[in-house]
């Protein structure tokens, strides 16, 4: 699993970083994006819906989220 550390990054940086990783994933592979900005969650979820990607969001500690995205190519 590819991990994208976006701690401290504000939008649109996490979405752009996710886009470059998703393009290189094979069908069924996953990546995890870690963020500490709540606005990133809605932007990543919107990106995933547009690109027909599945995702799961988990707040692992107060103010830090892990978003696991699966490539469905």
C-alpha atoms as a PDB file:
ATOM      1  CA  UNK A   1       0.000   0.000   0.000  1.00  0.00           C
ATOM      2  CA  UNK A   2       1.271   3.433  -0.963  1.00  0.00           C
ATOM      3  CA  UNK A   3       1.099   6.011   1.816  1.00  0.00           C
ATOM      4  CA  UNK A   4       0.709   9.708   0.975  1.00  0.00           C
ATOM      5  CA  UNK A   5       1.706  11.936   3.879  1.00  0.00           C
ATOM      6  CA  UNK A   6      -0.213  15.191   3.517  1.00  0.00           C
ATOM      7  CA  UNK A   7       0.162  16.377   7.093  1.00  0.00           C
ATOM      8  CA  UNK A   8       0.364  20.145   6.943  1.00  0.00           C
ATOM      9  CA  UNK A   9      -0.664  20.277   3.271  1.00  0.00           C
ATOM     10  CA  UNK A  10      -3.718  22.330   2.350  1.00  0.00           C
ATOM     11  CA  UNK A  11      -5.963  21.851  -0.671  1.00  0.00           C
ATOM     12  CA  UNK A  12      -5.491  21.387  -3.499  1.00  0.00           C
ATOM     13  CA  UNK A  13      -2.099  19.768  -2.716  1.00  0.00           C
ATOM     14  CA  UNK A  14      -3.510  16.480  -1.282  1.00  0.00           C
ATOM     15  CA  UNK A  15      -5.828  16.019  -4.271  1.00  0.00           C
ATOM     16  CA  UNK A  16      -2.979  16.638  -6.715  1.00  0.00           C
ATOM     17  CA  UNK A  17      -0.720  14.201  -4.859  1.00  0.00           C
ATOM     18  CA  UNK A  18      -3.483  11.580  -4.841  1.00  0.00           C
ATOM     19  CA  UNK A  19      -4.023  12.019  -8.573  1.00  0.00           C
ATOM     20  CA  UNK A  20      -0.383  11.239  -9.370  1.00  0.00           C
ATOM     21  CA  UNK A  21      -0.446   8.102  -7.210  1.00  0.00           C
ATOM     22  CA  UNK A  22      -3.841   6.825  -8.432  1.00  0.00           C
ATOM     23  CA  UNK A  23      -2.662   7.003 -12.042  1.00  0.00           C
ATOM     24  CA  UNK A  24       0.120   4.523 -11.221  1.00  0.00           C
ATOM     25  CA  UNK A  25      -1.958   1.993  -9.229  1.00  0.00           C
ATOM     26  CA  UNK A  26      -3.179  -1.256 -10.709  1.00  0.00           C
ATOM     27  CA  UNK A  27      -6.740  -2.523 -10.310  1.00  0.00           C
ATOM     28  CA  UNK A  28      -7.480  -3.418  -6.696  1.00  0.00           C
ATOM     29  CA  UNK A  29      -4.415  -1.721  -5.232  1.00  0.00           C
ATOM     30  CA  UNK A  30      -4.857   0.751  -2.413  1.00  0.00           C
ATOM     31  CA  UNK A  31      -3.235   3.903  -1.176  1.00  0.00           C
ATOM     32  CA  UNK A  32      -3.620   5.716   2.111  1.00  0.00           C
ATOM     33  CA  UNK A  33      -3.671   9.491   2.370  1.00  0.00           C
ATOM     34  CA  UNK A  34      -2.976  10.972   5.816  1.00  0.00           C
ATOM     35  CA  UNK A  35      -4.196  14.503   6.486  1.00  0.00           C
ATOM     36  CA  UNK A  36      -4.721  16.899   9.354  1.00  0.00           C
ATOM     37  CA  UNK A  37      -6.999  19.307   7.463  1.00  0.00           C
ATOM     38  CA  UNK A  38     -10.711  18.524   7.641  1.00  0.00           C
ATOM     39  CA  UNK A  39     -11.432  20.314   4.348  1.00  0.00           C
ATOM     40  CA  UNK A  40      -9.216  17.775   2.585  1.00  0.00           C
ATOM     41  CA  UNK A  41     -11.647  14.986   3.445  1.00  0.00           C
ATOM     42  CA  UNK A  42     -14.537  16.418   1.441  1.00  0.00           C
ATOM     43  CA  UNK A  43     -12.265  17.246  -1.495  1.00  0.00           C
ATOM     44  CA  UNK A  44     -10.763  13.747  -1.576  1.00  0.00           C
ATOM     45  CA  UNK A  45     -14.226  12.174  -1.291  1.00  0.00           C
ATOM     46  CA  UNK A  46     -15.482  14.317  -4.195  1.00  0.00           C
ATOM     47  CA  UNK A  47     -12.420  13.348  -6.280  1.00  0.00           C
ATOM     48  CA  UNK A  48     -13.053   9.659  -5.535  1.00  0.00           C
ATOM     49  CA  UNK A  49     -16.732   9.871  -6.498  1.00  0.00           C
ATOM     50  CA  UNK A  50     -15.939  11.578  -9.808  1.00  0.00           C
ATOM     51  CA  UNK A  51     -13.275   8.946 -10.613  1.00  0.00           C
ATOM     52  CA  UNK A  52     -15.373   5.985  -9.366  1.00  0.00           C
ATOM     53  CA  UNK A  53     -12.895   5.093  -6.633  1.00  0.00           C
ATOM     54  CA  UNK A  54     -13.873   3.509  -3.353  1.00  0.00           C
ATOM     55  CA  UNK A  55     -12.647   5.105  -0.148  1.00  0.00           C
ATOM     56  CA  UNK A  56     -12.877   4.788   3.609  1.00  0.00           C
ATOM     57  CA  UNK A  57     -12.163   7.614   6.047  1.00  0.00           C
ATOM     58  CA  UNK A  58     -11.003   7.027   9.607  1.00  0.00           C
ATOM     59  CA  UNK A  59     -10.110   9.654  12.210  1.00  0.00           C
ATOM     60  CA  UNK A  60      -7.177   7.862  13.851  1.00  0.00           C
ATOM     61  CA  UNK A  61      -6.584  10.579  16.433  1.00  0.00           C
ATOM     62  CA  UNK A  62      -8.148  13.915  17.151  1.00  0.00           C
ATOM     63  CA  UNK A  63      -7.661  16.004  13.985  1.00  0.00           C
ATOM     64  CA  UNK A  64      -5.771  13.370  11.950  1.00  0.00           C
ATOM     65  CA  UNK A  65      -7.507  11.292   9.294  1.00  0.00           C
ATOM     66  CA  UNK A  66      -6.448   8.319   7.189  1.00  0.00           C
ATOM     67  CA  UNK A  67      -8.300   7.956   3.906  1.00  0.00           C
ATOM     68  CA  UNK A  68      -7.841   4.588   2.201  1.00  0.00           C
ATOM     69  CA  UNK A  69      -8.537   4.727  -1.531  1.00  0.00           C
ATOM     70  CA  UNK A  70      -8.911   1.667  -3.766  1.00  0.00           C
ATOM     71  CA  UNK A  71      -8.220   1.732  -7.479  1.00  0.00           C
ATOM     72  CA  UNK A  72     -11.064   0.232  -9.529  1.00  0.00           C
ATOM     73  CA  UNK A  73      -9.739   0.264 -13.074  1.00  0.00           C
END
